[in-house]
Amino acid sequence: MKKKHKKQFLSSFERSTYKLLITVIVLLLLGIVFGKTKLAQVNIEVQNLTNKVDNQKNKNSSLEMKIDEMTSLDRIKQVSEANGLKYNSENIKTIK
């Protein structure tokens, strides 16, 4: 006669080990998802800040051109004549 082998169920230690392993894997997966999400948010913030910096650089460049335009020799002569002043190049000081 053949002996029937009984199915052996897992011991409590093995069950606890498997549960712990599954829990660790789930927590690691959640950590990876959380990390990727946070990274995406930071990348969006960096992109927004880069756009703001570029816009500010453009504004600064525009203002520098306006300053150069306002301090041009022709403009100084025009304003001085409009106010009844005499142009004297020795009295003009340029600040940079």
PDB file of N, CA and C in Angstrom:
ATOM      1  N   MET A   1       0.805  -1.173   0.000  1.00  0.00           N
ATOM      2  CA  MET A   1       0.000   0.000   0.000  1.00  0.00           C
ATOM      3  C   MET A   1       0.855   1.245   0.000  1.00  0.00           C
ATOM      4  N   LYS A   2       0.310   2.186  -0.705  1.00  0.00           N
ATOM      5  CA  LYS A   2       1.018   3.456  -0.777  1.00  0.00           C
ATOM      6  C   LYS A   2       0.631   4.315   0.397  1.00  0.00           C
ATOM      7  N   LYS A   3       1.633   5.018   0.865  1.00  0.00           N
ATOM      8  CA  LYS A   3       1.357   5.943   1.948  1.00  0.00           C
ATOM      9  C   LYS A   3       0.913   7.250   1.336  1.00  0.00           C
ATOM     10  N   LYS A   4      -0.105   7.793   1.908  1.00  0.00           N
ATOM     11  CA  LYS A   4      -0.566   9.097   1.457  1.00  0.00           C
ATOM     12  C   LYS A   4       0.206  10.154   2.227  1.00  0.00           C
ATOM     13  N   HIS A   5       0.743  11.044   1.462  1.00  0.00           N
ATOM     14  CA  HIS A   5       1.453  12.141   2.098  1.00  0.00           C
ATOM     15  C   HIS A   5       0.453  13.234   2.408  1.00  0.00           C
ATOM     16  N   LYS A   6       0.475  13.636   3.615  1.00  0.00           N
ATOM     17  CA  LYS A   6      -0.393  14.734   4.005  1.00  0.00           C
ATOM     18  C   LYS A   6       0.230  16.037   3.521  1.00  0.00           C
ATOM     19  N   LYS A   7      -0.632  16.948   3.123  1.00  0.00           N
ATOM     20  CA  LYS A   7      -0.141  18.265   2.770  1.00  0.00           C
ATOM     21  C   LYS A   7       0.353  18.931   4.023  1.00  0.00           C
ATOM     22  N   GLN A   8       1.541  19.431   3.933  1.00  0.00           N
ATOM     23  CA  GLN A   8       2.050  20.119   5.101  1.00  0.00           C
ATOM     24  C   GLN A   8       1.746  21.602   4.950  1.00  0.00           C
ATOM     25  N   PHE A   9       1.124  22.113   5.936  1.00  0.00           N
ATOM     26  CA  PHE A   9       0.848  23.540   5.946  1.00  0.00           C
ATOM     27  C   PHE A   9       2.078  24.259   6.476  1.00  0.00           C
ATOM     28  N   LEU A  10       2.145  25.520   6.164  1.00  0.00           N
ATOM     29  CA  LEU A  10       3.294  26.302   6.596  1.00  0.00           C
ATOM     30  C   LEU A  10       3.268  26.497   8.099  1.00  0.00           C
ATOM     31  N   SER A  11       4.438  26.493   8.653  1.00  0.00           N
ATOM     32  CA  SER A  11       4.527  26.730  10.091  1.00  0.00           C
ATOM     33  C   SER A  11       4.249  28.211  10.364  1.00  0.00           C
ATOM     34  N   SER A  12       4.008  28.560  11.570  1.00  0.00           N
ATOM     35  CA  SER A  12       3.699  29.942  11.916  1.00  0.00           C
ATOM     36  C   SER A  12       4.896  30.852  11.640  1.00  0.00           C
ATOM     37  N   PHE A  13       6.093  30.338  11.828  1.00  0.00           N
ATOM     38  CA  PHE A  13       7.291  31.123  11.529  1.00  0.00           C
ATOM     39  C   PHE A  13       7.367  31.442  10.032  1.00  0.00           C
ATOM     40  N   GLU A  14       7.101  30.443   9.193  1.00  0.00           N
ATOM     41  CA  GLU A  14       7.141  30.661   7.752  1.00  0.00           C
ATOM     42  C   GLU A  14       6.063  31.648   7.312  1.00  0.00           C
ATOM     43  N   ARG A  15       4.863  31.497   7.886  1.00  0.00           N
ATOM     44  CA  ARG A  15       3.781  32.427   7.560  1.00  0.00           C
ATOM     45  C   ARG A  15       4.163  33.853   7.954  1.00  0.00           C
ATOM     46  N   SER A  16       4.722  34.005   9.120  1.00  0.00           N
ATOM     47  CA  SER A  16       5.141  35.332   9.578  1.00  0.00           C
ATOM     48  C   SER A  16       6.232  35.897   8.679  1.00  0.00           C
ATOM     49  N   THR A  17       7.143  35.047   8.261  1.00  0.00           N
ATOM     50  CA  THR A  17       8.217  35.488   7.378  1.00  0.00           C
ATOM     51  C   THR A  17       7.666  35.940   6.033  1.00  0.00           C
ATOM     52  N   TYR A  18       6.742  35.185   5.474  1.00  0.00           N
ATOM     53  CA  TYR A  18       6.143  35.564   4.190  1.00  0.00           C
ATOM     54  C   TYR A  18       5.354  36.864   4.312  1.00  0.00           C
ATOM     55  N   LYS A  19       4.609  36.999   5.385  1.00  0.00           N
ATOM     56  CA  LYS A  19       3.850  38.238   5.594  1.00  0.00           C
ATOM     57  C   LYS A  19       4.795  39.432   5.712  1.00  0.00           C
ATOM     58  N   LEU A  20       5.875  39.238   6.443  1.00  0.00           N
ATOM     59  CA  LEU A  20       6.853  40.308   6.603  1.00  0.00           C
ATOM     60  C   LEU A  20       7.489  40.651   5.261  1.00  0.00           C
ATOM     61  N   LEU A  21       7.824  39.648   4.474  1.00  0.00           N
ATOM     62  CA  LEU A  21       8.425  39.861   3.165  1.00  0.00           C
ATOM     63  C   LEU A  21       7.468  40.614   2.244  1.00  0.00           C
ATOM     64  N   ILE A  22       6.222  40.220   2.228  1.00  0.00           N
ATOM     65  CA  ILE A  22       5.221  40.886   1.391  1.00  0.00           C
ATOM     66  C   ILE A  22       5.031  42.332   1.846  1.00  0.00           C
ATOM     67  N   THR A  23       5.002  42.545   3.154  1.00  0.00           N
ATOM     68  CA  THR A  23       4.846  43.897   3.691  1.00  0.00           C
ATOM     69  C   THR A  23       6.028  44.773   3.288  1.00  0.00           C
ATOM     70  N   VAL A  24       7.232  44.236   3.383  1.00  0.00           N
ATOM     71  CA  VAL A  24       8.426  45.002   2.998  1.00  0.00           C
ATOM     72  C   VAL A  24       8.380  45.344   1.519  1.00  0.00           C
ATOM     73  N   ILE A  25       7.992  44.401   0.686  1.00  0.00           N
ATOM     74  CA  ILE A  25       7.925  44.646  -0.761  1.00  0.00           C
ATOM     75  C   ILE A  25       6.894  45.725  -1.069  1.00  0.00           C
ATOM     76  N   VAL A  26       5.721  45.641  -0.432  1.00  0.00           N
ATOM     77  CA  VAL A  26       4.678  46.650  -0.654  1.00  0.00           C
ATOM     78  C   VAL A  26       5.171  48.026  -0.205  1.00  0.00           C
ATOM     79  N   LEU A  27       5.826  48.093   0.953  1.00  0.00           N
ATOM     80  CA  LEU A  27       6.333  49.367   1.446  1.00  0.00           C
ATOM     81  C   LEU A  27       7.409  49.935   0.517  1.00  0.00           C
ATOM     82  N   LEU A  28       8.263  49.078   0.003  1.00  0.00           N
ATOM     83  CA  LEU A  28       9.280  49.544  -0.943  1.00  0.00           C
ATOM     84  C   LEU A  28       8.642  50.088  -2.226  1.00  0.00           C
ATOM     85  N   LEU A  29       7.631  49.396  -2.722  1.00  0.00           N
ATOM     86  CA  LEU A  29       6.947  49.865  -3.926  1.00  0.00           C
ATOM     87  C   LEU A  29       6.273  51.211  -3.673  1.00  0.00           C
ATOM     88  N   LEU A  30       5.629  51.347  -2.516  1.00  0.00           N
ATOM     89  CA  LEU A  30       5.001  52.619  -2.168  1.00  0.00           C
ATOM     90  C   LEU A  30       6.050  53.725  -2.041  1.00  0.00           C
ATOM     91  N   GLY A  31       7.192  53.388  -1.468  1.00  0.00           N
ATOM     92  CA  GLY A  31       8.275  54.363  -1.354  1.00  0.00           C
ATOM     93  C   GLY A  31       8.782  54.810  -2.711  1.00  0.00           C
ATOM     94  N   ILE A  32       8.896  53.882  -3.634  1.00  0.00           N
ATOM     95  CA  ILE A  32       9.346  54.221  -4.987  1.00  0.00           C
ATOM     96  C   ILE A  32       8.336  55.134  -5.667  1.00  0.00           C
ATOM     97  N   VAL A  33       7.059  54.802  -5.555  1.00  0.00           N
ATOM     98  CA  VAL A  33       6.014  55.633  -6.163  1.00  0.00           C
ATOM     99  C   VAL A  33       6.022  57.029  -5.547  1.00  0.00           C
ATOM    100  N   PHE A  34       6.128  57.105  -4.224  1.00  0.00           N
ATOM    101  CA  PHE A  34       6.167  58.394  -3.540  1.00  0.00           C
ATOM    102  C   PHE A  34       7.391  59.195  -3.994  1.00  0.00           C
ATOM    103  N   GLY A  35       8.524  58.545  -4.091  1.00  0.00           N
ATOM    104  CA  GLY A  35       9.746  59.223  -4.520  1.00  0.00           C
ATOM    105  C   GLY A  35       9.627  59.768  -5.936  1.00  0.00           C
ATOM    106  N   LYS A  36       9.071  58.976  -6.842  1.00  0.00           N
ATOM    107  CA  LYS A  36       8.906  59.420  -8.225  1.00  0.00           C
ATOM    108  C   LYS A  36       7.937  60.604  -8.295  1.00  0.00           C
ATOM    109  N   THR A  37       6.869  60.556  -7.501  1.00  0.00           N
ATOM    110  CA  THR A  37       5.899  61.644  -7.480  1.00  0.00           C
ATOM    111  C   THR A  37       6.547  62.926  -6.974  1.00  0.00           C
ATOM    112  N   LYS A  38       7.303  62.822  -5.904  1.00  0.00           N
ATOM    113  CA  LYS A  38       7.985  63.987  -5.343  1.00  0.00           C
ATOM    114  C   LYS A  38       8.988  64.548  -6.337  1.00  0.00           C
ATOM    115  N   LEU A  39       9.704  63.673  -7.024  1.00  0.00           N
ATOM    116  CA  LEU A  39      10.672  64.101  -8.027  1.00  0.00           C
ATOM    117  C   LEU A  39       9.983  64.852  -9.164  1.00  0.00           C
ATOM    118  N   ALA A  40       8.834  64.366  -9.588  1.00  0.00           N
ATOM    119  CA  ALA A  40       8.084  65.032 -10.656  1.00  0.00           C
ATOM    120  C   ALA A  40       7.642  66.425 -10.199  1.00  0.00           C
ATOM    121  N   GLN A  41       7.190  66.541  -8.953  1.00  0.00           N
ATOM    122  CA  GLN A  41       6.779  67.853  -8.421  1.00  0.00           C
ATOM    123  C   GLN A  41       7.962  68.816  -8.382  1.00  0.00           C
ATOM    124  N   VAL A  42       9.095  68.337  -7.953  1.00  0.00           N
ATOM    125  CA  VAL A  42      10.289  69.187  -7.888  1.00  0.00           C
ATOM    126  C   VAL A  42      10.709  69.613  -9.294  1.00  0.00           C
ATOM    127  N   ASN A  43      10.627  68.711 -10.255  1.00  0.00           N
ATOM    128  CA  ASN A  43      10.970  69.060 -11.634  1.00  0.00           C
ATOM    129  C   ASN A  43      10.042  70.137 -12.185  1.00  0.00           C
ATOM    130  N   ILE A  44       8.754  70.053 -11.851  1.00  0.00           N
ATOM    131  CA  ILE A  44       7.788  71.069 -12.289  1.00  0.00           C
ATOM    132  C   ILE A  44       8.139  72.415 -11.662  1.00  0.00           C
ATOM    133  N   GLU A  45       8.483  72.417 -10.375  1.00  0.00           N
ATOM    134  CA  GLU A  45       8.871  73.661  -9.704  1.00  0.00           C
ATOM    135  C   GLU A  45      10.129  74.250 -10.342  1.00  0.00           C
ATOM    136  N   VAL A  46      11.099  73.400 -10.650  1.00  0.00           N
ATOM    137  CA  VAL A  46      12.336  73.871 -11.279  1.00  0.00           C
ATOM    138  C   VAL A  46      12.029  74.489 -12.634  1.00  0.00           C
ATOM    139  N   GLN A  47      11.156  73.840 -13.390  1.00  0.00           N
ATOM    140  CA  GLN A  47      10.794  74.361 -14.705  1.00  0.00           C
ATOM    141  C   GLN A  47      10.090  75.713 -14.585  1.00  0.00           C
ATOM    142  N   ASN A  48       9.188  75.837 -13.609  1.00  0.00           N
ATOM    143  CA  ASN A  48       8.494  77.110 -13.398  1.00  0.00           C
ATOM    144  C   ASN A  48       9.475  78.205 -13.000  1.00  0.00           C
ATOM    145  N   LEU A  49      10.406  77.885 -12.110  1.00  0.00           N
ATOM    146  CA  LEU A  49      11.397  78.872 -11.691  1.00  0.00           C
ATOM    147  C   LEU A  49      12.325  79.258 -12.838  1.00  0.00           C
ATOM    148  N   THR A  50      12.671  78.292 -13.673  1.00  0.00           N
ATOM    149  CA  THR A  50      13.502  78.586 -14.844  1.00  0.00           C
ATOM    150  C   THR A  50      12.781  79.545 -15.781  1.00  0.00           C
ATOM    151  N   ASN A  51      11.480  79.323 -15.972  1.00  0.00           N
ATOM    152  CA  ASN A  51      10.697  80.224 -16.824  1.00  0.00           C
ATOM    153  C   ASN A  51      10.650  81.625 -16.224  1.00  0.00           C
ATOM    154  N   LYS A  52      10.483  81.714 -14.900  1.00  0.00           N
ATOM    155  CA  LYS A  52      10.452  83.025 -14.248  1.00  0.00           C
ATOM    156  C   LYS A  52      11.790  83.737 -14.389  1.00  0.00           C
ATOM    157  N   VAL A  53      12.870  82.985 -14.235  1.00  0.00           N
ATOM    158  CA  VAL A  53      14.210  83.573 -14.376  1.00  0.00           C
ATOM    159  C   VAL A  53      14.406  84.086 -15.805  1.00  0.00           C
ATOM    160  N   ASP A  54      13.993  83.301 -16.789  1.00  0.00           N
ATOM    161  CA  ASP A  54      14.123  83.731 -18.189  1.00  0.00           C
ATOM    162  C   ASP A  54      13.306  84.990 -18.453  1.00  0.00           C
ATOM    163  N   ASN A  55      12.080  85.032 -17.916  1.00  0.00           N
ATOM    164  CA  ASN A  55      11.241  86.221 -18.090  1.00  0.00           C
ATOM    165  C   ASN A  55      11.895  87.439 -17.444  1.00  0.00           C
ATOM    166  N   GLN A  56      12.455  87.256 -16.259  1.00  0.00           N
ATOM    167  CA  GLN A  56      13.100  88.366 -15.569  1.00  0.00           C
ATOM    168  C   GLN A  56      14.346  88.823 -16.324  1.00  0.00           C
ATOM    169  N   LYS A  57      15.093  87.877 -16.891  1.00  0.00           N
ATOM    170  CA  LYS A  57      16.262  88.253 -17.694  1.00  0.00           C
ATOM    171  C   LYS A  57      15.847  89.087 -18.893  1.00  0.00           C
ATOM    172  N   ASN A  58      14.730  88.693 -19.529  1.00  0.00           N
ATOM    173  CA  ASN A  58      14.231  89.465 -20.667  1.00  0.00           C
ATOM    174  C   ASN A  58      13.825  90.870 -20.243  1.00  0.00           C
ATOM    175  N   LYS A  59      13.151  90.985 -19.104  1.00  0.00           N
ATOM    176  CA  LYS A  59      12.756  92.302 -18.593  1.00  0.00           C
ATOM    177  C   LYS A  59      13.989  93.142 -18.285  1.00  0.00           C
ATOM    178  N   ASN A  60      14.973  92.521 -17.646  1.00  0.00           N
ATOM    179  CA  ASN A  60      16.200  93.237 -17.312  1.00  0.00           C
ATOM    180  C   ASN A  60      16.904  93.733 -18.574  1.00  0.00           C
ATOM    181  N   SER A  61      16.961  92.885 -19.586  1.00  0.00           N
ATOM    182  CA  SER A  61      17.589  93.265 -20.851  1.00  0.00           C
ATOM    183  C   SER A  61      16.851  94.435 -21.484  1.00  0.00           C
ATOM    184  N   SER A  62      15.527  94.373 -21.446  1.00  0.00           N
ATOM    185  CA  SER A  62      14.715  95.456 -21.995  1.00  0.00           C
ATOM    186  C   SER A  62      14.958  96.754 -21.236  1.00  0.00           C
ATOM    187  N   LEU A  63      15.029  96.658 -19.913  1.00  0.00           N
ATOM    188  CA  LEU A  63      15.271  97.853 -19.107  1.00  0.00           C
ATOM    189  C   LEU A  63      16.678  98.405 -19.329  1.00  0.00           C
ATOM    190  N   GLU A  64      17.643  97.530 -19.508  1.00  0.00           N
ATOM    191  CA  GLU A  64      19.003  97.996 -19.797  1.00  0.00           C
ATOM    192  C   GLU A  64      19.049  98.737 -21.129  1.00  0.00           C
ATOM    193  N   MET A  65      18.313  98.228 -22.110  1.00  0.00           N
ATOM    194  CA  MET A  65      18.259  98.919 -23.400  1.00  0.00           C
ATOM    195  C   MET A  65      17.587 100.278 -23.240  1.00  0.00           C
ATOM    196  N   LYS A  66      16.558 100.325 -22.409  1.00  0.00           N
ATOM    197  CA  LYS A  66      15.865 101.591 -22.179  1.00  0.00           C
ATOM    198  C   LYS A  66      16.789 102.584 -21.473  1.00  0.00           C
ATOM    199  N   ILE A  67      17.571 102.095 -20.528  1.00  0.00           N
ATOM    200  CA  ILE A  67      18.536 102.958 -19.830  1.00  0.00           C
ATOM    201  C   ILE A  67      19.558 103.496 -20.821  1.00  0.00           C
ATOM    202  N   ASP A  68      20.062 102.599 -21.667  1.00  0.00           N
ATOM    203  CA  ASP A  68      21.035 103.038 -22.676  1.00  0.00           C
ATOM    204  C   ASP A  68      20.429 104.097 -23.604  1.00  0.00           C
ATOM    205  N   GLU A  69      19.159 103.891 -23.947  1.00  0.00           N
ATOM    206  CA  GLU A  69      18.465 104.840 -24.815  1.00  0.00           C
ATOM    207  C   GLU A  69      18.299 106.183 -24.115  1.00  0.00           C
ATOM    208  N   MET A  70      17.934 106.137 -22.830  1.00  0.00           N
ATOM    209  CA  MET A  70      17.697 107.375 -22.081  1.00  0.00           C
ATOM    210  C   MET A  70      18.995 108.130 -21.798  1.00  0.00           C
ATOM    211  N   THR A  71      20.098 107.434 -21.726  1.00  0.00           N
ATOM    212  CA  THR A  71      21.371 108.094 -21.422  1.00  0.00           C
ATOM    213  C   THR A  71      22.192 108.388 -22.671  1.00  0.00           C
ATOM    214  N   SER A  72      21.576 108.216 -23.825  1.00  0.00           N
ATOM    215  CA  SER A  72      22.318 108.512 -25.052  1.00  0.00           C
ATOM    216  C   SER A  72      22.560 110.014 -25.157  1.00  0.00           C
ATOM    217  N   LEU A  73      23.574 110.378 -25.882  1.00  0.00           N
ATOM    218  CA  LEU A  73      23.960 111.775 -26.034  1.00  0.00           C
ATOM    219  C   LEU A  73      22.833 112.602 -26.638  1.00  0.00           C
ATOM    220  N   ASP A  74      22.156 112.050 -27.641  1.00  0.00           N
ATOM    221  CA  ASP A  74      21.056 112.778 -28.285  1.00  0.00           C
ATOM    222  C   ASP A  74      19.934 113.053 -27.288  1.00  0.00           C
ATOM    223  N   ARG A  75      19.632 112.075 -26.474  1.00  0.00           N
ATOM    224  CA  ARG A  75      18.556 112.243 -25.491  1.00  0.00           C
ATOM    225  C   ARG A  75      18.941 113.306 -24.453  1.00  0.00           C
ATOM    226  N   ILE A  76      20.180 113.290 -24.023  1.00  0.00           N
ATOM    227  CA  ILE A  76      20.635 114.273 -23.033  1.00  0.00           C
ATOM    228  C   ILE A  76      20.555 115.685 -23.622  1.00  0.00           C
ATOM    229  N   LYS A  77      20.983 115.824 -24.856  1.00  0.00           N
ATOM    230  CA  LYS A  77      20.893 117.135 -25.506  1.00  0.00           C
ATOM    231  C   LYS A  77      19.448 117.584 -25.626  1.00  0.00           C
ATOM    232  N   GLN A  78      18.568 116.664 -26.001  1.00  0.00           N
ATOM    233  CA  GLN A  78      17.152 116.997 -26.191  1.00  0.00           C
ATOM    234  C   GLN A  78      16.533 117.455 -24.884  1.00  0.00           C
ATOM    235  N   VAL A  79      16.797 116.755 -23.796  1.00  0.00           N
ATOM    236  CA  VAL A  79      16.215 117.109 -22.500  1.00  0.00           C
ATOM    237  C   VAL A  79      16.799 118.426 -21.994  1.00  0.00           C
ATOM    238  N   SER A  80      18.088 118.608 -22.173  1.00  0.00           N
ATOM    239  CA  SER A  80      18.704 119.854 -21.702  1.00  0.00           C
ATOM    240  C   SER A  80      18.176 121.053 -22.472  1.00  0.00           C
ATOM    241  N   GLU A  81      18.013 120.927 -23.774  1.00  0.00           N
ATOM    242  CA  GLU A  81      17.470 122.034 -24.567  1.00  0.00           C
ATOM    243  C   GLU A  81      16.013 122.298 -24.222  1.00  0.00           C
ATOM    244  N   ALA A  82      15.245 121.229 -23.930  1.00  0.00           N
ATOM    245  CA  ALA A  82      13.844 121.402 -23.571  1.00  0.00           C
ATOM    246  C   ALA A  82      13.698 122.145 -22.244  1.00  0.00           C
ATOM    247  N   ASN A  83      14.682 122.016 -21.382  1.00  0.00           N
ATOM    248  CA  ASN A  83      14.635 122.695 -20.089  1.00  0.00           C
ATOM    249  C   ASN A  83      15.436 123.996 -20.076  1.00  0.00           C
ATOM    250  N   GLY A  84      15.867 124.427 -21.232  1.00  0.00           N
ATOM    251  CA  GLY A  84      16.580 125.695 -21.342  1.00  0.00           C
ATOM    252  C   GLY A  84      18.000 125.638 -20.834  1.00  0.00           C
ATOM    253  N   LEU A  85      18.586 124.474 -20.828  1.00  0.00           N
ATOM    254  CA  LEU A  85      19.962 124.338 -20.356  1.00  0.00           C
ATOM    255  C   LEU A  85      20.910 124.277 -21.538  1.00  0.00           C
ATOM    256  N   LYS A  86      22.155 124.594 -21.268  1.00  0.00           N
ATOM    257  CA  LYS A  86      23.174 124.558 -22.307  1.00  0.00           C
ATOM    258  C   LYS A  86      23.935 123.240 -22.158  1.00  0.00           C
ATOM    259  N   TYR A  87      24.207 122.588 -23.269  1.00  0.00           N
ATOM    260  CA  TYR A  87      24.929 121.320 -23.250  1.00  0.00           C
ATOM    261  C   TYR A  87      26.407 121.573 -23.013  1.00  0.00           C
ATOM    262  N   ASN A  88      26.950 120.903 -21.965  1.00  0.00           N
ATOM    263  CA  ASN A  88      28.370 120.994 -21.670  1.00  0.00           C
ATOM    264  C   ASN A  88      28.834 119.569 -21.364  1.00  0.00           C
ATOM    265  N   SER A  89      29.582 118.962 -22.274  1.00  0.00           N
ATOM    266  CA  SER A  89      29.957 117.555 -22.132  1.00  0.00           C
ATOM    267  C   SER A  89      30.872 117.308 -20.945  1.00  0.00           C
ATOM    268  N   GLU A  90      31.536 118.333 -20.451  1.00  0.00           N
ATOM    269  CA  GLU A  90      32.437 118.157 -19.312  1.00  0.00           C
ATOM    270  C   GLU A  90      31.667 117.936 -18.008  1.00  0.00           C
ATOM    271  N   ASN A  91      30.416 118.324 -17.963  1.00  0.00           N
ATOM    272  CA  ASN A  91      29.612 118.174 -16.744  1.00  0.00           C
ATOM    273  C   ASN A  91      28.840 116.856 -16.697  1.00  0.00           C
ATOM    274  N   ILE A  92      28.935 116.054 -17.742  1.00  0.00           N
ATOM    275  CA  ILE A  92      28.175 114.793 -17.811  1.00  0.00           C
ATOM    276  C   ILE A  92      29.025 113.687 -17.179  1.00  0.00           C
ATOM    277  N   LYS A  93      28.407 112.967 -16.267  1.00  0.00           N
ATOM    278  CA  LYS A  93      29.066 111.833 -15.608  1.00  0.00           C
ATOM    279  C   LYS A  93      28.247 110.581 -15.879  1.00  0.00           C
ATOM    280  N   THR A  94      28.913 109.534 -16.284  1.00  0.00           N
ATOM    281  CA  THR A  94      28.244 108.270 -16.587  1.00  0.00           C
ATOM    282  C   THR A  94      28.447 107.302 -15.410  1.00  0.00           C
ATOM    283  N   ILE A  95      27.345 106.746 -14.975  1.00  0.00           N
ATOM    284  CA  ILE A  95      27.382 105.774 -13.875  1.00  0.00           C
ATOM    285  C   ILE A  95      27.078 104.407 -14.451  1.00  0.00           C
ATOM    286  N   LYS A  96      27.926 103.450 -14.164  1.00  0.00           N
ATOM    287  CA  LYS A  96      27.698 102.079 -14.666  1.00  0.00           C
ATOM    288  C   LYS A  96      27.684 101.123 -13.532  1.00  0.00           C
TER     289      LYS A  96
END
